[in-house]
Amino acid sequence: VQDFTRAVELDPADVRGWLARSIARRQAGECEAALADADELVKLDDAFAPGHVQRAAAKYQLHRYAEAAADYRAALARMGDDPDPGTLNSLASQVTTQASVA
């Protein structure tokens, strides 16, 4: 996380640093911090689908299932001609199902 924090400090406009730090924080169990980074990432570049995927993953780990499903759908909408939107579509469906049960 420390290296990615330095990357964000060096170039706060580079979405890759925010994405990498958000992933690292989420994997370390720092889901609120991961979500904050993902929010900043989406604010910097709303068209960047991986930002929405990362924000969805953080929200999912925080049990915010309906919001996670919305972010997965937002990622799908931004993927354009990506060869395999099926994976994200499946995730959005699973999270939506989980949201209705929770």
C-alpha atoms as a PDB file:
ATOM      1  CA  VAL A   1       0.000   0.000   0.000  1.00  0.00           C
ATOM      2  CA  GLN A   2       2.849   2.345   0.847  1.00  0.00           C
ATOM      3  CA  ASP A   3       4.356   2.165  -2.657  1.00  0.00           C
ATOM      4  CA  PHE A   4       0.979   2.843  -4.247  1.00  0.00           C
ATOM      5  CA  THR A   5       0.433   5.774  -1.890  1.00  0.00           C
ATOM      6  CA  ARG A   6       3.707   7.233  -3.144  1.00  0.00           C
ATOM      7  CA  ALA A   7       2.553   6.708  -6.741  1.00  0.00           C
ATOM      8  CA  VAL A   8      -0.682   8.585  -6.002  1.00  0.00           C
ATOM      9  CA  GLU A   9       1.295  11.397  -4.368  1.00  0.00           C
ATOM     10  CA  LEU A  10       3.626  11.671  -7.372  1.00  0.00           C
ATOM     11  CA  ASP A  11       0.816  11.771  -9.936  1.00  0.00           C
ATOM     12  CA  PRO A  12      -2.646  12.188  -8.412  1.00  0.00           C
ATOM     13  CA  ALA A  13      -4.222  12.429 -11.881  1.00  0.00           C
ATOM     14  CA  ASP A  14      -3.055   8.923 -12.889  1.00  0.00           C
ATOM     15  CA  VAL A  15      -5.924   6.494 -12.395  1.00  0.00           C
ATOM     16  CA  ARG A  16      -3.548   3.515 -12.321  1.00  0.00           C
ATOM     17  CA  GLY A  17      -2.108   4.556  -8.964  1.00  0.00           C
ATOM     18  CA  TRP A  18      -5.552   4.960  -7.430  1.00  0.00           C
ATOM     19  CA  LEU A  19      -6.657   1.610  -8.852  1.00  0.00           C
ATOM     20  CA  ALA A  20      -3.566  -0.223  -7.585  1.00  0.00           C
ATOM     21  CA  ARG A  21      -3.848   1.272  -4.101  1.00  0.00           C
ATOM     22  CA  SER A  22      -7.561   0.544  -3.916  1.00  0.00           C
ATOM     23  CA  ILE A  23      -6.954  -3.094  -4.845  1.00  0.00           C
ATOM     24  CA  ALA A  24      -4.116  -3.398  -2.315  1.00  0.00           C
ATOM     25  CA  ARG A  25      -6.225  -1.866   0.435  1.00  0.00           C
ATOM     26  CA  ARG A  26      -9.180  -4.120  -0.339  1.00  0.00           C
ATOM     27  CA  GLN A  27      -6.940  -7.193  -0.284  1.00  0.00           C
ATOM     28  CA  ALA A  28      -5.561  -6.032   3.076  1.00  0.00           C
ATOM     29  CA  GLY A  29      -9.111  -5.845   4.435  1.00  0.00           C
ATOM     30  CA  GLU A  30      -9.157  -2.032   4.458  1.00  0.00           C
ATOM     31  CA  CYS A  31     -12.451  -1.872   2.584  1.00  0.00           C
ATOM     32  CA  GLU A  32     -13.504   1.655   3.572  1.00  0.00           C
ATOM     33  CA  ALA A  33     -10.138   3.035   2.437  1.00  0.00           C
ATOM     34  CA  ALA A  34     -10.356   0.941  -0.739  1.00  0.00           C
ATOM     35  CA  LEU A  35     -13.783   2.392  -1.432  1.00  0.00           C
ATOM     36  CA  ALA A  36     -12.512   5.937  -0.879  1.00  0.00           C
ATOM     37  CA  ASP A  37      -9.740   5.326  -3.426  1.00  0.00           C
ATOM     38  CA  ALA A  38     -12.195   3.793  -5.886  1.00  0.00           C
ATOM     39  CA  ASP A  39     -14.519   6.784  -5.464  1.00  0.00           C
ATOM     40  CA  GLU A  40     -11.609   9.099  -6.297  1.00  0.00           C
ATOM     41  CA  LEU A  41     -10.694   6.912  -9.255  1.00  0.00           C
ATOM     42  CA  VAL A  42     -14.220   7.094 -10.679  1.00  0.00           C
ATOM     43  CA  LYS A  43     -14.274  10.852 -10.067  1.00  0.00           C
ATOM     44  CA  LEU A  44     -11.035  11.204 -12.061  1.00  0.00           C
ATOM     45  CA  ASP A  45     -12.209   9.071 -14.994  1.00  0.00           C
ATOM     46  CA  ASP A  46     -15.821   7.961 -15.005  1.00  0.00           C
ATOM     47  CA  ALA A  47     -15.323   6.194 -18.356  1.00  0.00           C
ATOM     48  CA  PHE A  48     -12.643   3.858 -16.910  1.00  0.00           C
ATOM     49  CA  ALA A  49     -14.527   0.565 -16.416  1.00  0.00           C
ATOM     50  CA  PRO A  50     -11.949  -0.979 -14.020  1.00  0.00           C
ATOM     51  CA  GLY A  51     -12.651   1.886 -11.611  1.00  0.00           C
ATOM     52  CA  HIS A  52     -16.296   0.874 -11.419  1.00  0.00           C
ATOM     53  CA  VAL A  53     -15.341  -2.790 -11.025  1.00  0.00           C
ATOM     54  CA  GLN A  54     -13.025  -1.958  -8.133  1.00  0.00           C
ATOM     55  CA  ARG A  55     -15.645   0.248  -6.481  1.00  0.00           C
ATOM     56  CA  ALA A  56     -18.178  -2.561  -6.847  1.00  0.00           C
ATOM     57  CA  ALA A  57     -15.776  -5.063  -5.258  1.00  0.00           C
ATOM     58  CA  ALA A  58     -15.165  -2.764  -2.279  1.00  0.00           C
ATOM     59  CA  LYS A  59     -18.902  -2.168  -1.812  1.00  0.00           C
ATOM     60  CA  TYR A  60     -19.533  -5.894  -2.064  1.00  0.00           C
ATOM     61  CA  GLN A  61     -17.052  -6.600   0.726  1.00  0.00           C
ATOM     62  CA  LEU A  62     -18.808  -3.945   2.795  1.00  0.00           C
ATOM     63  CA  HIS A  63     -22.111  -5.803   2.222  1.00  0.00           C
ATOM     64  CA  ARG A  64     -23.506  -2.904   0.189  1.00  0.00           C
ATOM     65  CA  TYR A  65     -24.841  -5.307  -2.403  1.00  0.00           C
ATOM     66  CA  ALA A  66     -27.330  -3.104  -4.264  1.00  0.00           C
ATOM     67  CA  GLU A  67     -24.680  -0.409  -4.716  1.00  0.00           C
ATOM     68  CA  ALA A  68     -22.141  -3.019  -5.822  1.00  0.00           C
ATOM     69  CA  ALA A  69     -24.553  -4.332  -8.452  1.00  0.00           C
ATOM     70  CA  ALA A  70     -25.078  -0.788  -9.751  1.00  0.00           C
ATOM     71  CA  ASP A  71     -21.326  -0.312 -10.099  1.00  0.00           C
ATOM     72  CA  TYR A  72     -20.925  -3.622 -11.925  1.00  0.00           C
ATOM     73  CA  ARG A  73     -23.640  -2.466 -14.330  1.00  0.00           C
ATOM     74  CA  ALA A  74     -21.873   0.886 -14.731  1.00  0.00           C
ATOM     75  CA  ALA A  75     -18.677  -0.984 -15.616  1.00  0.00           C
ATOM     76  CA  LEU A  76     -20.574  -3.037 -18.182  1.00  0.00           C
ATOM     77  CA  ALA A  77     -21.977   0.103 -19.775  1.00  0.00           C
ATOM     78  CA  ARG A  78     -18.445   1.461 -20.159  1.00  0.00           C
ATOM     79  CA  MET A  79     -16.863  -1.679 -21.591  1.00  0.00           C
ATOM     80  CA  GLY A  80     -17.961  -1.030 -25.154  1.00  0.00           C
ATOM     81  CA  ASP A  81     -16.579  -3.747 -27.389  1.00  0.00           C
ATOM     82  CA  ASP A  82     -14.910  -5.741 -24.625  1.00  0.00           C
ATOM     83  CA  PRO A  83     -14.856  -9.391 -25.733  1.00  0.00           C
ATOM     84  CA  ASP A  84     -16.254 -10.847 -22.491  1.00  0.00           C
ATOM     85  CA  PRO A  85     -18.898  -8.774 -20.715  1.00  0.00           C
ATOM     86  CA  GLY A  86     -20.518 -12.028 -19.557  1.00  0.00           C
ATOM     87  CA  THR A  87     -18.382 -12.225 -16.424  1.00  0.00           C
ATOM     88  CA  LEU A  88     -19.436  -8.783 -15.197  1.00  0.00           C
ATOM     89  CA  ASN A  89     -23.032  -9.431 -16.177  1.00  0.00           C
ATOM     90  CA  SER A  90     -22.956 -12.623 -14.125  1.00  0.00           C
ATOM     91  CA  LEU A  91     -21.429 -10.787 -11.148  1.00  0.00           C
ATOM     92  CA  ALA A  92     -24.067  -8.056 -11.344  1.00  0.00           C
ATOM     93  CA  SER A  93     -26.815 -10.688 -11.370  1.00  0.00           C
ATOM     94  CA  GLN A  94     -25.344 -12.573  -8.416  1.00  0.00           C
ATOM     95  CA  VAL A  95     -24.901  -9.393  -6.384  1.00  0.00           C
ATOM     96  CA  THR A  96     -28.436  -8.272  -7.216  1.00  0.00           C
ATOM     97  CA  THR A  97     -29.744 -11.637  -5.986  1.00  0.00           C
ATOM     98  CA  GLN A  98     -27.716 -11.288  -2.811  1.00  0.00           C
ATOM     99  CA  ALA A  99     -29.044  -7.755  -2.305  1.00  0.00           C
ATOM    100  CA  SER A 100     -32.636  -9.008  -2.439  1.00  0.00           C
ATOM    101  CA  VAL A 101     -31.916 -11.686   0.142  1.00  0.00           C
ATOM    102  CA  ALA A 102     -30.026  -9.382   2.532  1.00  0.00           C
END
